[in-house]
Amino acid sequence: MVTSDRLRLERRAHILKSLAHPSRLLIVELLEKGPHCVSELTEAIGSDKSTVSKHLALLKEVGLVRDRKRGTWSDYELTCDCVTHLIDCVEEGMAEGGGAQHAGQASSCRAG
């Protein structure tokens, strides 16, 4: 494998690993509906503010989330709105039994 491919695939793996936690997936789902501040996310997740801030920092590190300053507050928003669509697509493919059936599902996911 050439270096550029390895780096690209490592970056993709890092992005996918950043989603591998229920609280971070919930954050992504909430932010898909619109910007939220840490306090709103903390209330929705039911965790403490420092934990939610760590989850946001990880999502921000990989480029899935950005923050916008609003006075002394920061609103967080997604940088792309396709993350949950990707997960939905994978789940639908798995529900249909995978294999040859999944090939048709994958093409429909790419279409839209």
PDB file of N, CA and C in Angstrom:
ATOM      1  N   MET A   1       0.851  -1.163   0.000  1.00  0.00           N
ATOM      2  CA  MET A   1       0.000   0.000   0.000  1.00  0.00           C
ATOM      3  C   MET A   1       0.904   1.236   0.000  1.00  0.00           C
ATOM      4  N   VAL A   2       0.576   2.190  -0.835  1.00  0.00           N
ATOM      5  CA  VAL A   2       1.372   3.414  -0.904  1.00  0.00           C
ATOM      6  C   VAL A   2       1.038   4.309   0.291  1.00  0.00           C
ATOM      7  N   THR A   3       1.969   5.183   0.623  1.00  0.00           N
ATOM      8  CA  THR A   3       1.833   6.036   1.802  1.00  0.00           C
ATOM      9  C   THR A   3       0.569   6.883   1.768  1.00  0.00           C
ATOM     10  N   SER A   4       0.246   7.447   0.623  1.00  0.00           N
ATOM     11  CA  SER A   4      -0.939   8.305   0.546  1.00  0.00           C
ATOM     12  C   SER A   4      -2.223   7.514   0.828  1.00  0.00           C
ATOM     13  N   ASP A   5      -2.289   6.278   0.342  1.00  0.00           N
ATOM     14  CA  ASP A   5      -3.455   5.434   0.627  1.00  0.00           C
ATOM     15  C   ASP A   5      -3.517   5.087   2.108  1.00  0.00           C
ATOM     16  N   ARG A   6      -2.386   4.757   2.695  1.00  0.00           N
ATOM     17  CA  ARG A   6      -2.344   4.399   4.106  1.00  0.00           C
ATOM     18  C   ARG A   6      -2.808   5.575   4.963  1.00  0.00           C
ATOM     19  N   LEU A   7      -2.329   6.774   4.663  1.00  0.00           N
ATOM     20  CA  LEU A   7      -2.716   7.959   5.426  1.00  0.00           C
ATOM     21  C   LEU A   7      -4.206   8.264   5.276  1.00  0.00           C
ATOM     22  N   ARG A   8      -4.707   8.129   4.067  1.00  0.00           N
ATOM     23  CA  ARG A   8      -6.125   8.366   3.815  1.00  0.00           C
ATOM     24  C   ARG A   8      -6.983   7.370   4.589  1.00  0.00           C
ATOM     25  N   LEU A   9      -6.596   6.108   4.575  1.00  0.00           N
ATOM     26  CA  LEU A   9      -7.363   5.078   5.268  1.00  0.00           C
ATOM     27  C   LEU A   9      -7.250   5.215   6.786  1.00  0.00           C
ATOM     28  N   GLU A  10      -6.098   5.631   7.274  1.00  0.00           N
ATOM     29  CA  GLU A  10      -5.948   5.879   8.712  1.00  0.00           C
ATOM     30  C   GLU A  10      -6.851   7.024   9.149  1.00  0.00           C
ATOM     31  N   ARG A  11      -6.936   8.062   8.325  1.00  0.00           N
ATOM     32  CA  ARG A  11      -7.815   9.193   8.634  1.00  0.00           C
ATOM     33  C   ARG A  11      -9.269   8.739   8.681  1.00  0.00           C
ATOM     34  N   ARG A  12      -9.671   7.931   7.719  1.00  0.00           N
ATOM     35  CA  ARG A  12     -11.040   7.420   7.699  1.00  0.00           C
ATOM     36  C   ARG A  12     -11.335   6.559   8.918  1.00  0.00           C
ATOM     37  N   ALA A  13     -10.378   5.723   9.288  1.00  0.00           N
ATOM     38  CA  ALA A  13     -10.549   4.874  10.474  1.00  0.00           C
ATOM     39  C   ALA A  13     -10.690   5.739  11.728  1.00  0.00           C
ATOM     40  N   HIS A  14      -9.922   6.804  11.809  1.00  0.00           N
ATOM     41  CA  HIS A  14      -9.994   7.714  12.952  1.00  0.00           C
ATOM     42  C   HIS A  14     -11.378   8.378  13.031  1.00  0.00           C
ATOM     43  N   ILE A  15     -11.908   8.774  11.890  1.00  0.00           N
ATOM     44  CA  ILE A  15     -13.250   9.367  11.853  1.00  0.00           C
ATOM     45  C   ILE A  15     -14.287   8.358  12.333  1.00  0.00           C
ATOM     46  N   LEU A  16     -14.216   7.133  11.812  1.00  0.00           N
ATOM     47  CA  LEU A  16     -15.187   6.114  12.206  1.00  0.00           C
ATOM     48  C   LEU A  16     -15.054   5.756  13.689  1.00  0.00           C
ATOM     49  N   LYS A  17     -13.828   5.683  14.196  1.00  0.00           N
ATOM     50  CA  LYS A  17     -13.630   5.414  15.623  1.00  0.00           C
ATOM     51  C   LYS A  17     -14.242   6.511  16.477  1.00  0.00           C
ATOM     52  N   SER A  18     -14.211   7.748  16.000  1.00  0.00           N
ATOM     53  CA  SER A  18     -14.762   8.853  16.775  1.00  0.00           C
ATOM     54  C   SER A  18     -16.269   8.712  16.955  1.00  0.00           C
ATOM     55  N   LEU A  19     -16.914   7.962  16.114  1.00  0.00           N
ATOM     56  CA  LEU A  19     -18.366   7.758  16.195  1.00  0.00           C
ATOM     57  C   LEU A  19     -18.741   6.551  17.051  1.00  0.00           C
ATOM     58  N   ALA A  20     -17.745   5.810  17.500  1.00  0.00           N
ATOM     59  CA  ALA A  20     -17.998   4.536  18.176  1.00  0.00           C
ATOM     60  C   ALA A  20     -18.324   4.698  19.658  1.00  0.00           C
ATOM     61  N   HIS A  21     -19.274   5.563  19.946  1.00  0.00           N
ATOM     62  CA  HIS A  21     -19.752   5.724  21.320  1.00  0.00           C
ATOM     63  C   HIS A  21     -21.194   6.229  21.251  1.00  0.00           C
ATOM     64  N   PRO A  22     -22.085   5.648  22.040  1.00  0.00           N
ATOM     65  CA  PRO A  22     -23.496   6.060  21.977  1.00  0.00           C
ATOM     66  C   PRO A  22     -23.713   7.553  22.224  1.00  0.00           C
ATOM     67  N   SER A  23     -22.974   8.143  23.156  1.00  0.00           N
ATOM     68  CA  SER A  23     -23.155   9.578  23.429  1.00  0.00           C
ATOM     69  C   SER A  23     -22.727  10.424  22.236  1.00  0.00           C
ATOM     70  N   ARG A  24     -21.648  10.029  21.566  1.00  0.00           N
ATOM     71  CA  ARG A  24     -21.209  10.802  20.396  1.00  0.00           C
ATOM     72  C   ARG A  24     -22.183  10.634  19.241  1.00  0.00           C
ATOM     73  N   LEU A  25     -22.755   9.456  19.105  1.00  0.00           N
ATOM     74  CA  LEU A  25     -23.781   9.271  18.070  1.00  0.00           C
ATOM     75  C   LEU A  25     -25.006  10.128  18.371  1.00  0.00           C
ATOM     76  N   LEU A  26     -25.384  10.217  19.633  1.00  0.00           N
ATOM     77  CA  LEU A  26     -26.515  11.068  20.005  1.00  0.00           C
ATOM     78  C   LEU A  26     -26.188  12.536  19.729  1.00  0.00           C
ATOM     79  N   ILE A  27     -24.971  12.946  20.032  1.00  0.00           N
ATOM     80  CA  ILE A  27     -24.548  14.321  19.737  1.00  0.00           C
ATOM     81  C   ILE A  27     -24.704  14.600  18.253  1.00  0.00           C
ATOM     82  N   VAL A  28     -24.236  13.688  17.418  1.00  0.00           N
ATOM     83  CA  VAL A  28     -24.336  13.865  15.961  1.00  0.00           C
ATOM     84  C   VAL A  28     -25.805  13.962  15.541  1.00  0.00           C
ATOM     85  N   GLU A  29     -26.652  13.097  16.086  1.00  0.00           N
ATOM     86  CA  GLU A  29     -28.077  13.149  15.739  1.00  0.00           C
ATOM     87  C   GLU A  29     -28.706  14.474  16.157  1.00  0.00           C
ATOM     88  N   LEU A  30     -28.350  14.962  17.334  1.00  0.00           N
ATOM     89  CA  LEU A  30     -28.898  16.239  17.799  1.00  0.00           C
ATOM     90  C   LEU A  30     -28.395  17.401  16.951  1.00  0.00           C
ATOM     91  N   LEU A  31     -27.108  17.382  16.636  1.00  0.00           N
ATOM     92  CA  LEU A  31     -26.540  18.474  15.847  1.00  0.00           C
ATOM     93  C   LEU A  31     -27.023  18.453  14.407  1.00  0.00           C
ATOM     94  N   GLU A  32     -27.454  17.290  13.952  1.00  0.00           N
ATOM     95  CA  GLU A  32     -28.019  17.201  12.607  1.00  0.00           C
ATOM     96  C   GLU A  32     -29.300  18.037  12.513  1.00  0.00           C
ATOM     97  N   LYS A  33     -29.982  18.221  13.629  1.00  0.00           N
ATOM     98  CA  LYS A  33     -31.215  19.012  13.669  1.00  0.00           C
ATOM     99  C   LYS A  33     -30.938  20.501  13.806  1.00  0.00           C
ATOM    100  N   GLY A  34     -29.709  20.852  14.190  1.00  0.00           N
ATOM    101  CA  GLY A  34     -29.347  22.253  14.338  1.00  0.00           C
ATOM    102  C   GLY A  34     -28.295  22.434  15.413  1.00  0.00           C
ATOM    103  N   PRO A  35     -27.711  23.634  15.479  1.00  0.00           N
ATOM    104  CA  PRO A  35     -26.666  23.909  16.469  1.00  0.00           C
ATOM    105  C   PRO A  35     -27.182  23.778  17.906  1.00  0.00           C
ATOM    106  N   HIS A  36     -26.308  23.342  18.795  1.00  0.00           N
ATOM    107  CA  HIS A  36     -26.618  23.220  20.217  1.00  0.00           C
ATOM    108  C   HIS A  36     -25.408  23.669  21.030  1.00  0.00           C
ATOM    109  N   CYS A  37     -25.664  24.181  22.229  1.00  0.00           N
ATOM    110  CA  CYS A  37     -24.575  24.516  23.144  1.00  0.00           C
ATOM    111  C   CYS A  37     -24.297  23.302  24.038  1.00  0.00           C
ATOM    112  N   VAL A  38     -23.184  23.346  24.750  1.00  0.00           N
ATOM    113  CA  VAL A  38     -22.792  22.226  25.604  1.00  0.00           C
ATOM    114  C   VAL A  38     -23.870  21.916  26.645  1.00  0.00           C
ATOM    115  N   SER A  39     -24.466  22.954  27.215  1.00  0.00           N
ATOM    116  CA  SER A  39     -25.498  22.738  28.241  1.00  0.00           C
ATOM    117  C   SER A  39     -26.686  21.952  27.686  1.00  0.00           C
ATOM    118  N   GLU A  40     -27.118  22.277  26.484  1.00  0.00           N
ATOM    119  CA  GLU A  40     -28.234  21.559  25.866  1.00  0.00           C
ATOM    120  C   GLU A  40     -27.859  20.099  25.605  1.00  0.00           C
ATOM    121  N   LEU A  41     -26.644  19.884  25.115  1.00  0.00           N
ATOM    122  CA  LEU A  41     -26.185  18.522  24.834  1.00  0.00           C
ATOM    123  C   LEU A  41     -26.021  17.729  26.126  1.00  0.00           C
ATOM    124  N   THR A  42     -25.506  18.392  27.165  1.00  0.00           N
ATOM    125  CA  THR A  42     -25.328  17.742  28.461  1.00  0.00           C
ATOM    126  C   THR A  42     -26.667  17.268  29.009  1.00  0.00           C
ATOM    127  N   GLU A  43     -27.676  18.111  28.913  1.00  0.00           N
ATOM    128  CA  GLU A  43     -29.014  17.748  29.388  1.00  0.00           C
ATOM    129  C   GLU A  43     -29.584  16.576  28.591  1.00  0.00           C
ATOM    130  N   ALA A  44     -29.415  16.610  27.283  1.00  0.00           N
ATOM    131  CA  ALA A  44     -29.968  15.550  26.431  1.00  0.00           C
ATOM    132  C   ALA A  44     -29.273  14.209  26.678  1.00  0.00           C
ATOM    133  N   ILE A  45     -27.980  14.241  26.899  1.00  0.00           N
ATOM    134  CA  ILE A  45     -27.208  13.012  27.084  1.00  0.00           C
ATOM    135  C   ILE A  45     -27.341  12.478  28.505  1.00  0.00           C
ATOM    136  N   GLY A  46     -27.500  13.394  29.463  1.00  0.00           N
ATOM    137  CA  GLY A  46     -27.598  12.969  30.852  1.00  0.00           C
ATOM    138  C   GLY A  46     -26.244  12.674  31.455  1.00  0.00           C
ATOM    139  N   SER A  47     -25.244  13.366  30.975  1.00  0.00           N
ATOM    140  CA  SER A  47     -23.883  13.198  31.462  1.00  0.00           C
ATOM    141  C   SER A  47     -23.391  14.535  31.992  1.00  0.00           C
ATOM    142  N   ASP A  48     -22.197  14.550  32.567  1.00  0.00           N
ATOM    143  CA  ASP A  48     -21.685  15.825  33.071  1.00  0.00           C
ATOM    144  C   ASP A  48     -21.041  16.632  31.940  1.00  0.00           C
ATOM    145  N   LYS A  49     -20.908  17.920  32.194  1.00  0.00           N
ATOM    146  CA  LYS A  49     -20.431  18.854  31.175  1.00  0.00           C
ATOM    147  C   LYS A  49     -19.022  18.510  30.686  1.00  0.00           C
ATOM    148  N   SER A  50     -18.139  18.083  31.577  1.00  0.00           N
ATOM    149  CA  SER A  50     -16.763  17.779  31.163  1.00  0.00           C
ATOM    150  C   SER A  50     -16.719  16.576  30.220  1.00  0.00           C
ATOM    151  N   THR A  51     -17.570  15.588  30.474  1.00  0.00           N
ATOM    152  CA  THR A  51     -17.614  14.412  29.596  1.00  0.00           C
ATOM    153  C   THR A  51     -18.129  14.794  28.215  1.00  0.00           C
ATOM    154  N   VAL A  52     -19.191  15.582  28.172  1.00  0.00           N
ATOM    155  CA  VAL A  52     -19.744  16.024  26.894  1.00  0.00           C
ATOM    156  C   VAL A  52     -18.724  16.878  26.149  1.00  0.00           C
ATOM    157  N   SER A  53     -18.019  17.723  26.863  1.00  0.00           N
ATOM    158  CA  SER A  53     -16.985  18.555  26.241  1.00  0.00           C
ATOM    159  C   SER A  53     -15.877  17.694  25.634  1.00  0.00           C
ATOM    160  N   LYS A  54     -15.525  16.600  26.298  1.00  0.00           N
ATOM    161  CA  LYS A  54     -14.508  15.684  25.752  1.00  0.00           C
ATOM    162  C   LYS A  54     -15.019  15.007  24.484  1.00  0.00           C
ATOM    163  N   HIS A  55     -16.284  14.602  24.495  1.00  0.00           N
ATOM    164  CA  HIS A  55     -16.873  13.998  23.286  1.00  0.00           C
ATOM    165  C   HIS A  55     -16.854  15.012  22.133  1.00  0.00           C
ATOM    166  N   LEU A  56     -17.237  16.239  22.418  1.00  0.00           N
ATOM    167  CA  LEU A  56     -17.239  17.284  21.391  1.00  0.00           C
ATOM    168  C   LEU A  56     -15.830  17.556  20.875  1.00  0.00           C
ATOM    169  N   ALA A  57     -14.851  17.566  21.773  1.00  0.00           N
ATOM    170  CA  ALA A  57     -13.464  17.803  21.361  1.00  0.00           C
ATOM    171  C   ALA A  57     -12.986  16.717  20.402  1.00  0.00           C
ATOM    172  N   LEU A  58     -13.350  15.479  20.664  1.00  0.00           N
ATOM    173  CA  LEU A  58     -12.955  14.380  19.775  1.00  0.00           C
ATOM    174  C   LEU A  58     -13.630  14.519  18.415  1.00  0.00           C
ATOM    175  N   LEU A  59     -14.925  14.828  18.412  1.00  0.00           N
ATOM    176  CA  LEU A  59     -15.630  15.013  17.144  1.00  0.00           C
ATOM    177  C   LEU A  59     -15.085  16.213  16.377  1.00  0.00           C
ATOM    178  N   LYS A  60     -14.672  17.229  17.107  1.00  0.00           N
ATOM    179  CA  LYS A  60     -14.082  18.414  16.478  1.00  0.00           C
ATOM    180  C   LYS A  60     -12.697  18.088  15.910  1.00  0.00           C
ATOM    181  N   GLU A  61     -11.938  17.295  16.641  1.00  0.00           N
ATOM    182  CA  GLU A  61     -10.590  16.902  16.202  1.00  0.00           C
ATOM    183  C   GLU A  61     -10.600  16.212  14.843  1.00  0.00           C
ATOM    184  N   VAL A  62     -11.598  15.353  14.619  1.00  0.00           N
ATOM    185  CA  VAL A  62     -11.662  14.628  13.344  1.00  0.00           C
ATOM    186  C   VAL A  62     -12.366  15.426  12.255  1.00  0.00           C
ATOM    187  N   GLY A  63     -12.935  16.578  12.623  1.00  0.00           N
ATOM    188  CA  GLY A  63     -13.534  17.449  11.624  1.00  0.00           C
ATOM    189  C   GLY A  63     -15.025  17.265  11.404  1.00  0.00           C
ATOM    190  N   LEU A  64     -15.695  16.506  12.265  1.00  0.00           N
ATOM    191  CA  LEU A  64     -17.131  16.297  12.100  1.00  0.00           C
ATOM    192  C   LEU A  64     -17.958  17.430  12.700  1.00  0.00           C
ATOM    193  N   VAL A  65     -17.367  18.151  13.654  1.00  0.00           N
ATOM    194  CA  VAL A  65     -18.068  19.197  14.390  1.00  0.00           C
ATOM    195  C   VAL A  65     -17.215  20.454  14.421  1.00  0.00           C
ATOM    196  N   ARG A  66     -17.870  21.604  14.422  1.00  0.00           N
ATOM    197  CA  ARG A  66     -17.168  22.881  14.615  1.00  0.00           C
ATOM    198  C   ARG A  66     -17.946  23.692  15.634  1.00  0.00           C
ATOM    199  N   ASP A  67     -17.248  24.631  16.261  1.00  0.00           N
ATOM    200  CA  ASP A  67     -17.936  25.484  17.225  1.00  0.00           C
ATOM    201  C   ASP A  67     -17.946  26.915  16.720  1.00  0.00           C
ATOM    202  N   ARG A  68     -18.985  27.614  17.094  1.00  0.00           N
ATOM    203  CA  ARG A  68     -19.159  29.029  16.752  1.00  0.00           C
ATOM    204  C   ARG A  68     -19.378  29.789  18.051  1.00  0.00           C
ATOM    205  N   LYS A  69     -18.536  30.790  18.276  1.00  0.00           N
ATOM    206  CA  LYS A  69     -18.649  31.585  19.493  1.00  0.00           C
ATOM    207  C   LYS A  69     -19.880  32.481  19.420  1.00  0.00           C
ATOM    208  N   ARG A  70     -20.602  32.537  20.549  1.00  0.00           N
ATOM    209  CA  ARG A  70     -21.774  33.390  20.678  1.00  0.00           C
ATOM    210  C   ARG A  70     -21.678  34.025  22.067  1.00  0.00           C
ATOM    211  N   GLY A  71     -20.953  35.142  22.137  1.00  0.00           N
ATOM    212  CA  GLY A  71     -20.686  35.758  23.432  1.00  0.00           C
ATOM    213  C   GLY A  71     -19.784  34.859  24.245  1.00  0.00           C
ATOM    214  N   THR A  72     -20.233  34.487  25.433  1.00  0.00           N
ATOM    215  CA  THR A  72     -19.448  33.586  26.281  1.00  0.00           C
ATOM    216  C   THR A  72     -19.787  32.122  26.022  1.00  0.00           C
ATOM    217  N   TRP A  73     -20.747  31.866  25.139  1.00  0.00           N
ATOM    218  CA  TRP A  73     -21.175  30.513  24.809  1.00  0.00           C
ATOM    219  C   TRP A  73     -20.611  30.092  23.464  1.00  0.00           C
ATOM    220  N   SER A  74     -20.560  28.797  23.262  1.00  0.00           N
ATOM    221  CA  SER A  74     -20.225  28.241  21.955  1.00  0.00           C
ATOM    222  C   SER A  74     -21.362  27.347  21.508  1.00  0.00           C
ATOM    223  N   ASP A  75     -21.784  27.536  20.281  1.00  0.00           N
ATOM    224  CA  ASP A  75     -22.738  26.615  19.669  1.00  0.00           C
ATOM    225  C   ASP A  75     -21.938  25.629  18.830  1.00  0.00           C
ATOM    226  N   TYR A  76     -22.318  24.377  18.871  1.00  0.00           N
ATOM    227  CA  TYR A  76     -21.666  23.343  18.081  1.00  0.00           C
ATOM    228  C   TYR A  76     -22.591  22.937  16.952  1.00  0.00           C
ATOM    229  N   GLU A  77     -21.980  22.664  15.801  1.00  0.00           N
ATOM    230  CA  GLU A  77     -22.750  22.244  14.629  1.00  0.00           C
ATOM    231  C   GLU A  77     -21.944  21.239  13.832  1.00  0.00           C
ATOM    232  N   LEU A  78     -22.646  20.450  13.037  1.00  0.00           N
ATOM    233  CA  LEU A  78     -21.976  19.476  12.166  1.00  0.00           C
ATOM    234  C   LEU A  78     -21.312  20.181  10.993  1.00  0.00           C
ATOM    235  N   THR A  79     -20.211  19.637  10.539  1.00  0.00           N
ATOM    236  CA  THR A  79     -19.573  20.168   9.336  1.00  0.00           C
ATOM    237  C   THR A  79     -20.153  19.511   8.086  1.00  0.00           C
ATOM    238  N   CYS A  80     -20.794  18.355   8.262  1.00  0.00           N
ATOM    239  CA  CYS A  80     -21.475  17.684   7.146  1.00  0.00           C
ATOM    240  C   CYS A  80     -22.711  17.006   7.714  1.00  0.00           C
ATOM    241  N   ASP A  81     -23.725  16.876   6.904  1.00  0.00           N
ATOM    242  CA  ASP A  81     -24.974  16.312   7.406  1.00  0.00           C
ATOM    243  C   ASP A  81     -25.240  14.896   6.905  1.00  0.00           C
ATOM    244  N   CYS A  82     -24.187  14.209   6.486  1.00  0.00           N
ATOM    245  CA  CYS A  82     -24.385  12.886   5.900  1.00  0.00           C
ATOM    246  C   CYS A  82     -24.014  11.745   6.847  1.00  0.00           C
ATOM    247  N   VAL A  83     -23.577  12.052   8.054  1.00  0.00           N
ATOM    248  CA  VAL A  83     -23.094  11.009   8.962  1.00  0.00           C
ATOM    249  C   VAL A  83     -24.194  10.022   9.308  1.00  0.00           C
ATOM    250  N   THR A  84     -25.345  10.498   9.737  1.00  0.00           N
ATOM    251  CA  THR A  84     -26.407   9.562  10.104  1.00  0.00           C
ATOM    252  C   THR A  84     -26.968   8.851   8.871  1.00  0.00           C
ATOM    253  N   HIS A  85     -26.890   9.486   7.713  1.00  0.00           N
ATOM    254  CA  HIS A  85     -27.320   8.810   6.484  1.00  0.00           C
ATOM    255  C   HIS A  85     -26.419   7.604   6.222  1.00  0.00           C
ATOM    256  N   LEU A  86     -25.124   7.763   6.423  1.00  0.00           N
ATOM    257  CA  LEU A  86     -24.186   6.656   6.243  1.00  0.00           C
ATOM    258  C   LEU A  86     -24.542   5.503   7.173  1.00  0.00           C
ATOM    259  N   ILE A  87     -24.791   5.814   8.429  1.00  0.00           N
ATOM    260  CA  ILE A  87     -25.120   4.773   9.405  1.00  0.00           C
ATOM    261  C   ILE A  87     -26.442   4.109   9.046  1.00  0.00           C
ATOM    262  N   ASP A  88     -27.436   4.903   8.645  1.00  0.00           N
ATOM    263  CA  ASP A  88     -28.726   4.345   8.211  1.00  0.00           C
ATOM    264  C   ASP A  88     -28.535   3.393   7.040  1.00  0.00           C
ATOM    265  N   CYS A  89     -27.698   3.782   6.098  1.00  0.00           N
ATOM    266  CA  CYS A  89     -27.448   2.972   4.909  1.00  0.00           C
ATOM    267  C   CYS A  89     -26.838   1.619   5.295  1.00  0.00           C
ATOM    268  N   VAL A  90     -25.862   1.640   6.191  1.00  0.00           N
ATOM    269  CA  VAL A  90     -25.229   0.401   6.637  1.00  0.00           C
ATOM    270  C   VAL A  90     -26.244  -0.487   7.356  1.00  0.00           C
ATOM    271  N   GLU A  91     -27.037   0.111   8.237  1.00  0.00           N
ATOM    272  CA  GLU A  91     -28.054  -0.664   8.960  1.00  0.00           C
ATOM    273  C   GLU A  91     -29.072  -1.282   8.012  1.00  0.00           C
ATOM    274  N   GLU A  92     -29.504  -0.539   7.014  1.00  0.00           N
ATOM    275  CA  GLU A  92     -30.465  -1.071   6.046  1.00  0.00           C
ATOM    276  C   GLU A  92     -29.854  -2.222   5.257  1.00  0.00           C
ATOM    277  N   GLY A  93     -28.601  -2.079   4.884  1.00  0.00           N
ATOM    278  CA  GLY A  93     -27.920  -3.148   4.160  1.00  0.00           C
ATOM    279  C   GLY A  93     -27.808  -4.406   4.997  1.00  0.00           C
ATOM    280  N   MET A  94     -27.526  -4.240   6.273  1.00  0.00           N
ATOM    281  CA  MET A  94     -27.419  -5.394   7.171  1.00  0.00           C
ATOM    282  C   MET A  94     -28.776  -6.057   7.362  1.00  0.00           C
ATOM    283  N   ALA A  95     -29.823  -5.261   7.449  1.00  0.00           N
ATOM    284  CA  ALA A  95     -31.165  -5.799   7.657  1.00  0.00           C
ATOM    285  C   ALA A  95     -31.639  -6.609   6.464  1.00  0.00           C
ATOM    286  N   GLU A  96     -31.120  -6.267   5.308  1.00  0.00           N
ATOM    287  CA  GLU A  96     -31.533  -6.978   4.096  1.00  0.00           C
ATOM    288  C   GLU A  96     -30.720  -8.233   3.866  1.00  0.00           C
ATOM    289  N   GLY A  97     -29.843  -8.582   4.777  1.00  0.00           N
ATOM    290  CA  GLY A  97     -29.129  -9.848   4.680  1.00  0.00           C
ATOM    291  C   GLY A  97     -27.730  -9.755   4.118  1.00  0.00           C
ATOM    292  N   GLY A  98     -27.283  -8.568   3.725  1.00  0.00           N
ATOM    293  CA  GLY A  98     -25.911  -8.420   3.229  1.00  0.00           C
ATOM    294  C   GLY A  98     -25.692  -9.143   1.919  1.00  0.00           C
ATOM    295  N   GLY A  99     -24.454  -9.492   1.639  1.00  0.00           N
ATOM    296  CA  GLY A  99     -24.095 -10.241   0.436  1.00  0.00           C
ATOM    297  C   GLY A  99     -24.488  -9.535  -0.841  1.00  0.00           C
ATOM    298  N   ALA A 100     -25.007 -10.295  -1.797  1.00  0.00           N
ATOM    299  CA  ALA A 100     -25.380  -9.748  -3.099  1.00  0.00           C
ATOM    300  C   ALA A 100     -26.493  -8.716  -2.966  1.00  0.00           C
ATOM    301  N   GLN A 101     -27.388  -8.931  -2.017  1.00  0.00           N
ATOM    302  CA  GLN A 101     -28.458  -7.958  -1.812  1.00  0.00           C
ATOM    303  C   GLN A 101     -27.895  -6.619  -1.383  1.00  0.00           C
ATOM    304  N   HIS A 102     -26.828  -6.644  -0.591  1.00  0.00           N
ATOM    305  CA  HIS A 102     -26.249  -5.402  -0.097  1.00  0.00           C
ATOM    306  C   HIS A 102     -25.635  -4.579  -1.228  1.00  0.00           C
ATOM    307  N   ALA A 103     -25.143  -5.223  -2.266  1.00  0.00           N
ATOM    308  CA  ALA A 103     -24.555  -4.477  -3.385  1.00  0.00           C
ATOM    309  C   ALA A 103     -25.577  -3.536  -3.994  1.00  0.00           C
ATOM    310  N   GLY A 104     -26.809  -3.975  -4.142  1.00  0.00           N
ATOM    311  CA  GLY A 104     -27.858  -3.111  -4.663  1.00  0.00           C
ATOM    312  C   GLY A 104     -28.198  -1.994  -3.702  1.00  0.00           C
ATOM    313  N   GLN A 105     -28.201  -2.281  -2.419  1.00  0.00           N
ATOM    314  CA  GLN A 105     -28.484  -1.264  -1.404  1.00  0.00           C
ATOM    315  C   GLN A 105     -27.385  -0.208  -1.402  1.00  0.00           C
ATOM    316  N   ALA A 106     -26.140  -0.620  -1.528  1.00  0.00           N
ATOM    317  CA  ALA A 106     -25.034   0.345  -1.500  1.00  0.00           C
ATOM    318  C   ALA A 106     -25.150   1.314  -2.647  1.00  0.00           C
ATOM    319  N   SER A 107     -25.553   0.835  -3.816  1.00  0.00           N
ATOM    320  CA  SER A 107     -25.671   1.764  -4.949  1.00  0.00           C
ATOM    321  C   SER A 107     -26.806   2.751  -4.711  1.00  0.00           C
ATOM    322  N   SER A 108     -27.884   2.317  -4.057  1.00  0.00           N
ATOM    323  CA  SER A 108     -28.973   3.245  -3.785  1.00  0.00           C
ATOM    324  C   SER A 108     -28.561   4.262  -2.722  1.00  0.00           C
ATOM    325  N   CYS A 109     -27.685   3.877  -1.796  1.00  0.00           N
ATOM    326  CA  CYS A 109     -27.195   4.829  -0.795  1.00  0.00           C
ATOM    327  C   CYS A 109     -26.357   5.919  -1.464  1.00  0.00           C
ATOM    328  N   ARG A 110     -25.541   5.536  -2.412  1.00  0.00           N
ATOM    329  CA  ARG A 110     -24.717   6.515  -3.115  1.00  0.00           C
ATOM    330  C   ARG A 110     -25.587   7.480  -3.914  1.00  0.00           C
ATOM    331  N   ALA A 111     -26.712   7.012  -4.359  1.00  0.00           N
ATOM    332  CA  ALA A 111     -27.578   7.849  -5.184  1.00  0.00           C
ATOM    333  C   ALA A 111     -28.293   8.914  -4.367  1.00  0.00           C
ATOM    334  N   GLY A 112     -28.371   8.729  -3.057  1.00  0.00           N
ATOM    335  CA  GLY A 112     -29.048   9.786  -2.417  1.00  0.00           C
ATOM    336  C   GLY A 112     -29.474   9.676  -1.052  1.00  0.00           C
TER     337      GLY A 112
END
